[in-house]
Amino acid sequence: MKLIFDGECSFCNQLAHSLQNRSIQPIEIVSYHTLSEEELNKIHPQLTRDKCKGEVQIIQDGNRFPGFFGVRVLLWNVRLFRYFVWILYLPLFPFLGMFVMMILKKFKKSFV
């Protein structure tokens, strides 16, 4: 599993490394700022710098999961969270999750 995120946000860095330390399977954490457009394309054909800039990306078994959907996939791999992550699959939770991710993105600048 590969987590591609904005590595320039201190909040994002702390959260990503915390998830990595609690994960059951290894998670490769990569800042999209360190990758060229070609390198992103090699990881997954749909990846671009604009998509990575807009939201976190999870690559697992050749599939790309953006934003909330990526976080949902990622949490299956994290100790303790894996027992509660099924809640995120209930009806209407994706809308709530996407809204929360949008709010976090707006306030990301205050975390830097």
N, C-alpha and C. Protein backbone atom coordinates (compact mmCIF):
# COMPACT_ATOMS: atom_id res chain seq x y z
N MET A 1 0.86 -1.17 0.00
CA MET A 1 0.00 0.00 0.00
C MET A 1 0.90 1.23 0.00
N LYS A 2 0.48 2.21 -0.78
CA LYS A 2 1.25 3.45 -0.90
C LYS A 2 0.33 4.62 -0.60
N LEU A 3 0.80 5.53 0.27
CA LEU A 3 0.09 6.74 0.63
C LEU A 3 0.82 7.91 -0.01
N ILE A 4 0.14 8.63 -0.89
CA ILE A 4 0.71 9.80 -1.54
C ILE A 4 -0.06 11.01 -1.01
N PHE A 5 0.69 11.95 -0.42
CA PHE A 5 0.06 13.08 0.24
C PHE A 5 0.94 14.31 0.12
N ASP A 6 0.46 15.42 0.67
CA ASP A 6 1.21 16.67 0.69
C ASP A 6 2.19 16.60 1.85
N GLY A 7 3.44 16.42 1.57
CA GLY A 7 4.45 16.27 2.61
C GLY A 7 4.91 17.58 3.21
N GLU A 8 4.34 18.70 2.81
CA GLU A 8 4.76 19.99 3.32
C GLU A 8 3.88 20.50 4.46
N CYS A 9 2.89 19.76 4.83
CA CYS A 9 1.98 20.12 5.92
C CYS A 9 2.39 19.34 7.17
N SER A 10 2.72 20.04 8.25
CA SER A 10 3.19 19.35 9.45
C SER A 10 2.11 18.44 10.05
N PHE A 11 0.86 18.89 10.02
CA PHE A 11 -0.24 18.07 10.51
C PHE A 11 -0.35 16.78 9.70
N CYS A 12 -0.27 16.91 8.37
CA CYS A 12 -0.36 15.75 7.48
C CYS A 12 0.81 14.79 7.74
N ASN A 13 2.01 15.33 7.91
CA ASN A 13 3.19 14.50 8.18
C ASN A 13 3.04 13.72 9.47
N GLN A 14 2.62 14.39 10.53
CA GLN A 14 2.45 13.71 11.81
C GLN A 14 1.40 12.61 11.72
N LEU A 15 0.30 12.92 11.07
CA LEU A 15 -0.78 11.95 10.93
C LEU A 15 -0.35 10.75 10.10
N ALA A 16 0.33 11.00 8.99
CA ALA A 16 0.79 9.91 8.12
C ALA A 16 1.77 9.00 8.83
N HIS A 17 2.73 9.56 9.55
CA HIS A 17 3.71 8.73 10.25
C HIS A 17 3.09 7.99 11.44
N SER A 18 2.10 8.59 12.06
CA SER A 18 1.38 7.90 13.13
C SER A 18 0.63 6.69 12.57
N LEU A 19 -0.02 6.87 11.42
CA LEU A 19 -0.72 5.74 10.78
C LEU A 19 0.27 4.67 10.35
N GLN A 20 1.42 5.08 9.85
CA GLN A 20 2.43 4.13 9.42
C GLN A 20 2.92 3.29 10.60
N ASN A 21 3.11 3.91 11.75
CA ASN A 21 3.57 3.18 12.93
C ASN A 21 2.53 2.23 13.48
N ARG A 22 1.26 2.51 13.24
CA ARG A 22 0.18 1.66 13.75
C ARG A 22 -0.36 0.67 12.72
N SER A 23 0.22 0.66 11.54
CA SER A 23 -0.33 -0.18 10.47
C SER A 23 0.07 -1.64 10.67
N ILE A 24 -0.77 -2.50 10.17
CA ILE A 24 -0.53 -3.94 10.24
C ILE A 24 0.38 -4.36 9.08
N GLN A 25 0.05 -3.94 7.88
CA GLN A 25 0.87 -4.17 6.69
C GLN A 25 1.70 -2.91 6.45
N PRO A 26 2.88 -3.03 5.87
CA PRO A 26 3.69 -1.82 5.63
C PRO A 26 3.00 -0.82 4.70
N ILE A 27 3.15 0.45 5.03
CA ILE A 27 2.62 1.54 4.21
C ILE A 27 3.81 2.37 3.75
N GLU A 28 3.91 2.55 2.45
CA GLU A 28 4.95 3.43 1.91
C GLU A 28 4.35 4.83 1.81
N ILE A 29 4.99 5.77 2.49
CA ILE A 29 4.50 7.15 2.51
C ILE A 29 5.37 7.98 1.57
N VAL A 30 4.71 8.70 0.64
CA VAL A 30 5.44 9.50 -0.34
C VAL A 30 4.78 10.87 -0.45
N SER A 31 5.60 11.90 -0.40
CA SER A 31 5.11 13.25 -0.66
C SER A 31 5.07 13.46 -2.17
N TYR A 32 3.97 13.95 -2.67
CA TYR A 32 3.87 14.14 -4.12
C TYR A 32 4.84 15.23 -4.60
N HIS A 33 5.31 16.06 -3.69
CA HIS A 33 6.26 17.12 -4.06
C HIS A 33 7.61 16.55 -4.50
N THR A 34 7.91 15.34 -4.05
CA THR A 34 9.20 14.72 -4.39
C THR A 34 9.14 13.93 -5.70
N LEU A 35 7.96 13.85 -6.30
CA LEU A 35 7.79 13.04 -7.51
C LEU A 35 7.49 13.92 -8.72
N SER A 36 8.03 13.51 -9.85
CA SER A 36 7.72 14.20 -11.11
C SER A 36 6.40 13.64 -11.65
N GLU A 37 5.88 14.30 -12.66
CA GLU A 37 4.64 13.85 -13.31
C GLU A 37 4.82 12.42 -13.87
N GLU A 38 5.99 12.12 -14.43
CA GLU A 38 6.27 10.79 -14.99
C GLU A 38 6.32 9.73 -13.89
N GLU A 39 6.93 10.06 -12.76
CA GLU A 39 7.01 9.11 -11.65
C GLU A 39 5.62 8.81 -11.09
N LEU A 40 4.79 9.83 -11.00
CA LEU A 40 3.42 9.62 -10.55
C LEU A 40 2.67 8.72 -11.52
N ASN A 41 2.88 8.94 -12.82
CA ASN A 41 2.23 8.13 -13.83
C ASN A 41 2.68 6.68 -13.77
N LYS A 42 3.92 6.42 -13.38
CA LYS A 42 4.40 5.04 -13.24
C LYS A 42 3.75 4.35 -12.04
N ILE A 43 3.47 5.13 -10.99
CA ILE A 43 2.80 4.55 -9.82
C ILE A 43 1.38 4.14 -10.17
N HIS A 44 0.67 5.03 -10.86
CA HIS A 44 -0.69 4.74 -11.32
C HIS A 44 -0.99 5.65 -12.51
N PRO A 45 -1.54 5.13 -13.59
CA PRO A 45 -1.77 5.94 -14.79
C PRO A 45 -2.68 7.15 -14.59
N GLN A 46 -3.54 7.14 -13.60
CA GLN A 46 -4.47 8.26 -13.38
C GLN A 46 -3.88 9.35 -12.49
N LEU A 47 -2.71 9.11 -11.90
CA LEU A 47 -2.14 10.09 -10.98
C LEU A 47 -1.52 11.27 -11.71
N THR A 48 -1.83 12.46 -11.23
CA THR A 48 -1.20 13.69 -11.70
C THR A 48 -0.89 14.54 -10.48
N ARG A 49 -0.04 15.53 -10.67
CA ARG A 49 0.28 16.43 -9.55
C ARG A 49 -0.98 17.18 -9.09
N ASP A 50 -1.85 17.56 -10.03
CA ASP A 50 -3.08 18.26 -9.66
C ASP A 50 -3.99 17.39 -8.79
N LYS A 51 -4.11 16.12 -9.14
CA LYS A 51 -4.94 15.22 -8.33
C LYS A 51 -4.35 15.03 -6.95
N CYS A 52 -3.02 14.90 -6.89
CA CYS A 52 -2.36 14.72 -5.60
C CYS A 52 -2.43 15.99 -4.76
N LYS A 53 -2.40 17.12 -5.43
CA LYS A 53 -2.50 18.41 -4.72
C LYS A 53 -3.89 18.56 -4.11
N GLY A 54 -4.87 18.03 -4.78
CA GLY A 54 -6.25 18.19 -4.34
C GLY A 54 -6.66 17.30 -3.19
N GLU A 55 -6.08 16.09 -3.10
CA GLU A 55 -6.47 15.17 -2.03
C GLU A 55 -5.47 14.03 -1.91
N VAL A 56 -5.49 13.41 -0.75
CA VAL A 56 -4.62 12.27 -0.48
C VAL A 56 -4.97 11.14 -1.44
N GLN A 57 -3.97 10.34 -1.82
CA GLN A 57 -4.18 9.23 -2.74
C GLN A 57 -3.64 7.95 -2.10
N ILE A 58 -4.42 6.89 -2.15
CA ILE A 58 -3.98 5.58 -1.68
C ILE A 58 -3.93 4.67 -2.89
N ILE A 59 -2.78 4.00 -3.06
CA ILE A 59 -2.64 3.02 -4.13
C ILE A 59 -2.51 1.66 -3.46
N GLN A 60 -3.43 0.77 -3.78
CA GLN A 60 -3.41 -0.58 -3.21
C GLN A 60 -3.78 -1.58 -4.29
N ASP A 61 -2.93 -2.55 -4.48
CA ASP A 61 -3.15 -3.61 -5.47
C ASP A 61 -3.50 -3.05 -6.85
N GLY A 62 -2.83 -1.97 -7.24
CA GLY A 62 -3.04 -1.38 -8.55
C GLY A 62 -4.26 -0.48 -8.66
N ASN A 63 -5.00 -0.32 -7.57
CA ASN A 63 -6.18 0.54 -7.57
C ASN A 63 -5.86 1.86 -6.88
N ARG A 64 -6.46 2.93 -7.38
CA ARG A 64 -6.28 4.26 -6.79
C ARG A 64 -7.55 4.64 -6.04
N PHE A 65 -7.35 5.06 -4.79
CA PHE A 65 -8.45 5.51 -3.95
C PHE A 65 -8.16 6.94 -3.50
N PRO A 66 -8.91 7.93 -3.98
CA PRO A 66 -8.65 9.32 -3.61
C PRO A 66 -9.42 9.76 -2.37
N GLY A 67 -8.88 10.73 -1.66
CA GLY A 67 -9.57 11.42 -0.58
C GLY A 67 -10.16 10.52 0.48
N PHE A 68 -11.42 10.75 0.80
CA PHE A 68 -12.13 10.00 1.83
C PHE A 68 -12.10 8.50 1.54
N PHE A 69 -12.24 8.12 0.28
CA PHE A 69 -12.28 6.71 -0.08
C PHE A 69 -10.92 6.05 0.18
N GLY A 70 -9.86 6.82 0.00
CA GLY A 70 -8.52 6.34 0.31
C GLY A 70 -8.31 6.17 1.81
N VAL A 71 -8.78 7.15 2.57
CA VAL A 71 -8.67 7.06 4.02
C VAL A 71 -9.43 5.85 4.53
N ARG A 72 -10.58 5.61 3.95
CA ARG A 72 -11.40 4.46 4.34
C ARG A 72 -10.66 3.16 4.10
N VAL A 73 -9.99 3.03 2.96
CA VAL A 73 -9.21 1.83 2.64
C VAL A 73 -8.00 1.74 3.57
N LEU A 74 -7.35 2.85 3.81
CA LEU A 74 -6.17 2.89 4.67
C LEU A 74 -6.48 2.43 6.09
N LEU A 75 -7.62 2.84 6.63
CA LEU A 75 -7.96 2.53 8.02
C LEU A 75 -8.20 1.04 8.26
N TRP A 76 -8.49 0.25 7.21
CA TRP A 76 -8.60 -1.20 7.38
C TRP A 76 -7.27 -1.79 7.81
N ASN A 77 -6.19 -1.08 7.54
CA ASN A 77 -4.84 -1.57 7.81
C ASN A 77 -4.26 -1.05 9.13
N VAL A 78 -5.02 -0.26 9.87
CA VAL A 78 -4.51 0.37 11.08
C VAL A 78 -5.11 -0.30 12.31
N ARG A 79 -4.22 -0.69 13.23
CA ARG A 79 -4.67 -1.33 14.46
C ARG A 79 -5.74 -0.48 15.15
N LEU A 80 -6.66 -1.12 15.80
CA LEU A 80 -7.78 -0.52 16.51
C LEU A 80 -8.83 0.09 15.57
N PHE A 81 -8.42 0.92 14.61
CA PHE A 81 -9.39 1.53 13.70
C PHE A 81 -10.09 0.48 12.84
N ARG A 82 -9.40 -0.60 12.53
CA ARG A 82 -9.97 -1.60 11.64
C ARG A 82 -11.25 -2.21 12.18
N TYR A 83 -11.47 -2.15 13.49
CA TYR A 83 -12.69 -2.71 14.08
C TYR A 83 -13.88 -1.76 13.97
N PHE A 84 -13.62 -0.50 13.64
CA PHE A 84 -14.70 0.48 13.56
C PHE A 84 -14.88 1.08 12.16
N VAL A 85 -13.96 0.76 11.25
CA VAL A 85 -13.99 1.39 9.92
C VAL A 85 -15.23 1.00 9.12
N TRP A 86 -15.88 -0.09 9.44
CA TRP A 86 -17.08 -0.50 8.72
C TRP A 86 -18.16 0.58 8.79
N ILE A 87 -18.10 1.40 9.85
CA ILE A 87 -19.08 2.49 10.00
C ILE A 87 -19.00 3.46 8.82
N LEU A 88 -17.79 3.64 8.27
CA LEU A 88 -17.60 4.57 7.16
C LEU A 88 -18.24 4.08 5.86
N TYR A 89 -18.72 2.84 5.84
CA TYR A 89 -19.38 2.27 4.66
C TYR A 89 -20.90 2.36 4.75
N LEU A 90 -21.42 2.87 5.87
CA LEU A 90 -22.86 3.01 6.01
C LEU A 90 -23.38 4.10 5.08
N PRO A 91 -24.66 4.04 4.72
CA PRO A 91 -25.23 5.07 3.84
C PRO A 91 -25.03 6.47 4.42
N LEU A 92 -24.78 7.41 3.56
CA LEU A 92 -24.58 8.82 3.84
C LEU A 92 -23.21 9.16 4.45
N PHE A 93 -22.49 8.19 4.98
CA PHE A 93 -21.17 8.47 5.53
C PHE A 93 -20.18 8.98 4.49
N PRO A 94 -20.20 8.47 3.26
CA PRO A 94 -19.29 9.04 2.26
C PRO A 94 -19.49 10.54 2.06
N PHE A 95 -20.74 11.01 2.09
CA PHE A 95 -20.98 12.44 1.94
C PHE A 95 -20.41 13.22 3.12
N LEU A 96 -20.62 12.71 4.32
CA LEU A 96 -20.07 13.34 5.51
C LEU A 96 -18.54 13.31 5.47
N GLY A 97 -17.97 12.18 5.07
CA GLY A 97 -16.52 12.05 4.98
C GLY A 97 -15.92 12.99 3.96
N MET A 98 -16.54 13.12 2.80
CA MET A 98 -16.04 14.04 1.78
C MET A 98 -16.14 15.49 2.25
N PHE A 99 -17.19 15.80 3.01
CA PHE A 99 -17.35 17.14 3.56
C PHE A 99 -16.24 17.45 4.57
N VAL A 100 -15.95 16.50 5.45
CA VAL A 100 -14.88 16.67 6.44
C VAL A 100 -13.54 16.83 5.74
N MET A 101 -13.28 16.04 4.71
CA MET A 101 -12.02 16.16 3.97
C MET A 101 -11.92 17.53 3.29
N MET A 102 -13.04 18.04 2.79
CA MET A 102 -13.05 19.36 2.16
C MET A 102 -12.72 20.45 3.18
N ILE A 103 -13.27 20.33 4.37
CA ILE A 103 -12.99 21.30 5.44
C ILE A 103 -11.51 21.23 5.84
N LEU A 104 -10.98 20.02 6.00
CA LEU A 104 -9.56 19.88 6.33
C LEU A 104 -8.67 20.50 5.27
N LYS A 105 -9.05 20.33 4.02
CA LYS A 105 -8.27 20.90 2.92
C LYS A 105 -8.28 22.42 2.97
N LYS A 106 -9.44 23.02 3.32
CA LYS A 106 -9.54 24.47 3.40
C LYS A 106 -8.65 25.03 4.51
N PHE A 107 -8.59 24.31 5.62
CA PHE A 107 -7.85 24.80 6.78
C PHE A 107 -6.43 24.25 6.85
N LYS A 108 -6.01 23.55 5.82
CA LYS A 108 -4.67 22.95 5.79
C LYS A 108 -3.60 24.01 5.95
N LYS A 109 -3.78 25.15 5.39
CA LYS A 109 -2.79 26.22 5.47
C LYS A 109 -2.51 26.63 6.91
N SER A 110 -3.50 26.51 7.78
CA SER A 110 -3.27 26.87 9.18
C SER A 110 -2.47 25.81 9.93
N PHE A 111 -2.37 24.59 9.37
CA PHE A 111 -1.60 23.52 9.99
C PHE A 111 -0.13 23.59 9.61
N VAL A 112 0.19 24.30 8.55
CA VAL A 112 1.57 24.30 8.01
C VAL A 112 2.53 24.93 8.99
